[in-house]
Amino acid sequence: MKKLFRSETDRKVAGVVGGLAEYLNMDASLLRIITVILFICSTGVPVGLIYIIWIFVVPNEGDVK
């Protein structure tokens, strides 16, 4: 079973998108572009709030393995 974690190797800010991309088996760059587009289209509040919550809720890669 796959585990969701924040990536330690594929991170730009906190590893949230890198970990989610690995979990979804997607390219991290594509997911980052989608995240930025959603951030802009939603005035930033919902996506930014989810991102910040995710930082505290989802464990680091080293804590999971």
C-alpha atoms as a PDB file:
ATOM      1  CA  MET A   1       0.000   0.000   0.000  1.00  0.00           C
ATOM      2  CA  LYS A   2       1.279   3.445  -0.910  1.00  0.00           C
ATOM      3  CA  LYS A   3       1.918   5.961   1.838  1.00  0.00           C
ATOM      4  CA  LEU A   4       1.443   9.692   1.476  1.00  0.00           C
ATOM      5  CA  PHE A   5       4.384  11.790   2.658  1.00  0.00           C
ATOM      6  CA  ARG A   6       6.195  15.051   2.017  1.00  0.00           C
ATOM      7  CA  SER A   7       9.159  14.429  -0.249  1.00  0.00           C
ATOM      8  CA  GLU A   8      12.671  15.128   1.014  1.00  0.00           C
ATOM      9  CA  THR A   9      14.313  14.775  -2.407  1.00  0.00           C
ATOM     10  CA  ASP A  10      11.772  16.444  -4.722  1.00  0.00           C
ATOM     11  CA  ARG A  11      10.934  19.578  -2.795  1.00  0.00           C
ATOM     12  CA  LYS A  12      10.803  23.235  -3.693  1.00  0.00           C
ATOM     13  CA  VAL A  13       9.152  24.657  -0.564  1.00  0.00           C
ATOM     14  CA  ALA A  14       8.028  21.962   1.861  1.00  0.00           C
ATOM     15  CA  GLY A  15       7.854  18.813  -0.268  1.00  0.00           C
ATOM     16  CA  VAL A  16       4.050  18.744  -0.334  1.00  0.00           C
ATOM     17  CA  VAL A  17       3.648  18.712  -4.113  1.00  0.00           C
ATOM     18  CA  GLY A  18       6.643  16.396  -4.612  1.00  0.00           C
ATOM     19  CA  GLY A  19       5.189  13.837  -2.212  1.00  0.00           C
ATOM     20  CA  LEU A  20       1.708  14.114  -3.710  1.00  0.00           C
ATOM     21  CA  ALA A  21       3.149  13.675  -7.205  1.00  0.00           C
ATOM     22  CA  GLU A  22       4.940  10.512  -6.128  1.00  0.00           C
ATOM     23  CA  TYR A  23       1.767   9.203  -4.469  1.00  0.00           C
ATOM     24  CA  LEU A  24      -0.299   9.900  -7.619  1.00  0.00           C
ATOM     25  CA  ASN A  25       2.508   8.641  -9.904  1.00  0.00           C
ATOM     26  CA  MET A  26       2.596  11.982 -11.751  1.00  0.00           C
ATOM     27  CA  ASP A  27       5.311  14.324 -12.888  1.00  0.00           C
ATOM     28  CA  ALA A  28       6.004  16.793 -10.067  1.00  0.00           C
ATOM     29  CA  SER A  29       6.519  19.701 -12.472  1.00  0.00           C
ATOM     30  CA  LEU A  30       3.090  19.176 -14.020  1.00  0.00           C
ATOM     31  CA  LEU A  31       1.472  18.997 -10.597  1.00  0.00           C
ATOM     32  CA  ARG A  32       3.285  22.203  -9.547  1.00  0.00           C
ATOM     33  CA  ILE A  33       1.914  23.990 -12.638  1.00  0.00           C
ATOM     34  CA  ILE A  34      -1.593  22.750 -11.837  1.00  0.00           C
ATOM     35  CA  THR A  35      -1.185  23.912  -8.229  1.00  0.00           C
ATOM     36  CA  VAL A  36      -0.079  27.398  -9.297  1.00  0.00           C
ATOM     37  CA  ILE A  37      -2.981  27.692 -11.752  1.00  0.00           C
ATOM     38  CA  LEU A  38      -5.444  26.631  -9.036  1.00  0.00           C
ATOM     39  CA  PHE A  39      -3.817  29.080  -6.623  1.00  0.00           C
ATOM     40  CA  ILE A  40      -4.264  31.972  -9.072  1.00  0.00           C
ATOM     41  CA  CYS A  41      -7.812  31.030 -10.097  1.00  0.00           C
ATOM     42  CA  SER A  42      -9.010  30.604  -6.512  1.00  0.00           C
ATOM     43  CA  THR A  43      -7.494  33.901  -5.282  1.00  0.00           C
ATOM     44  CA  GLY A  44      -4.988  31.816  -3.347  1.00  0.00           C
ATOM     45  CA  VAL A  45      -6.879  31.374  -0.110  1.00  0.00           C
ATOM     46  CA  PRO A  46      -8.258  27.793  -0.424  1.00  0.00           C
ATOM     47  CA  VAL A  47      -5.203  26.288  -2.104  1.00  0.00           C
ATOM     48  CA  GLY A  48      -2.782  28.165   0.152  1.00  0.00           C
ATOM     49  CA  LEU A  49      -4.677  27.114   3.257  1.00  0.00           C
ATOM     50  CA  ILE A  50      -4.716  23.463   2.151  1.00  0.00           C
ATOM     51  CA  TYR A  51      -0.971  23.647   1.425  1.00  0.00           C
ATOM     52  CA  ILE A  52      -0.198  25.070   4.881  1.00  0.00           C
ATOM     53  CA  ILE A  53      -2.376  22.487   6.632  1.00  0.00           C
ATOM     54  CA  TRP A  54      -0.737  19.732   4.586  1.00  0.00           C
ATOM     55  CA  ILE A  55       2.705  20.816   5.828  1.00  0.00           C
ATOM     56  CA  PHE A  56       1.676  20.049   9.410  1.00  0.00           C
ATOM     57  CA  VAL A  57      -0.514  16.983   8.797  1.00  0.00           C
ATOM     58  CA  VAL A  58       1.471  14.904   6.277  1.00  0.00           C
ATOM     59  CA  PRO A  59       4.725  13.417   7.679  1.00  0.00           C
ATOM     60  CA  ASN A  60       8.163  13.773   6.072  1.00  0.00           C
ATOM     61  CA  GLU A  61       9.482  10.967   3.890  1.00  0.00           C
ATOM     62  CA  GLY A  62      12.099  10.017   6.495  1.00  0.00           C
ATOM     63  CA  ASP A  63       9.459   9.632   9.200  1.00  0.00           C
ATOM     64  CA  VAL A  64       7.399   7.184   7.086  1.00  0.00           C
ATOM     65  CA  LYS A  65      10.098   4.843   5.800  1.00  0.00           C
END
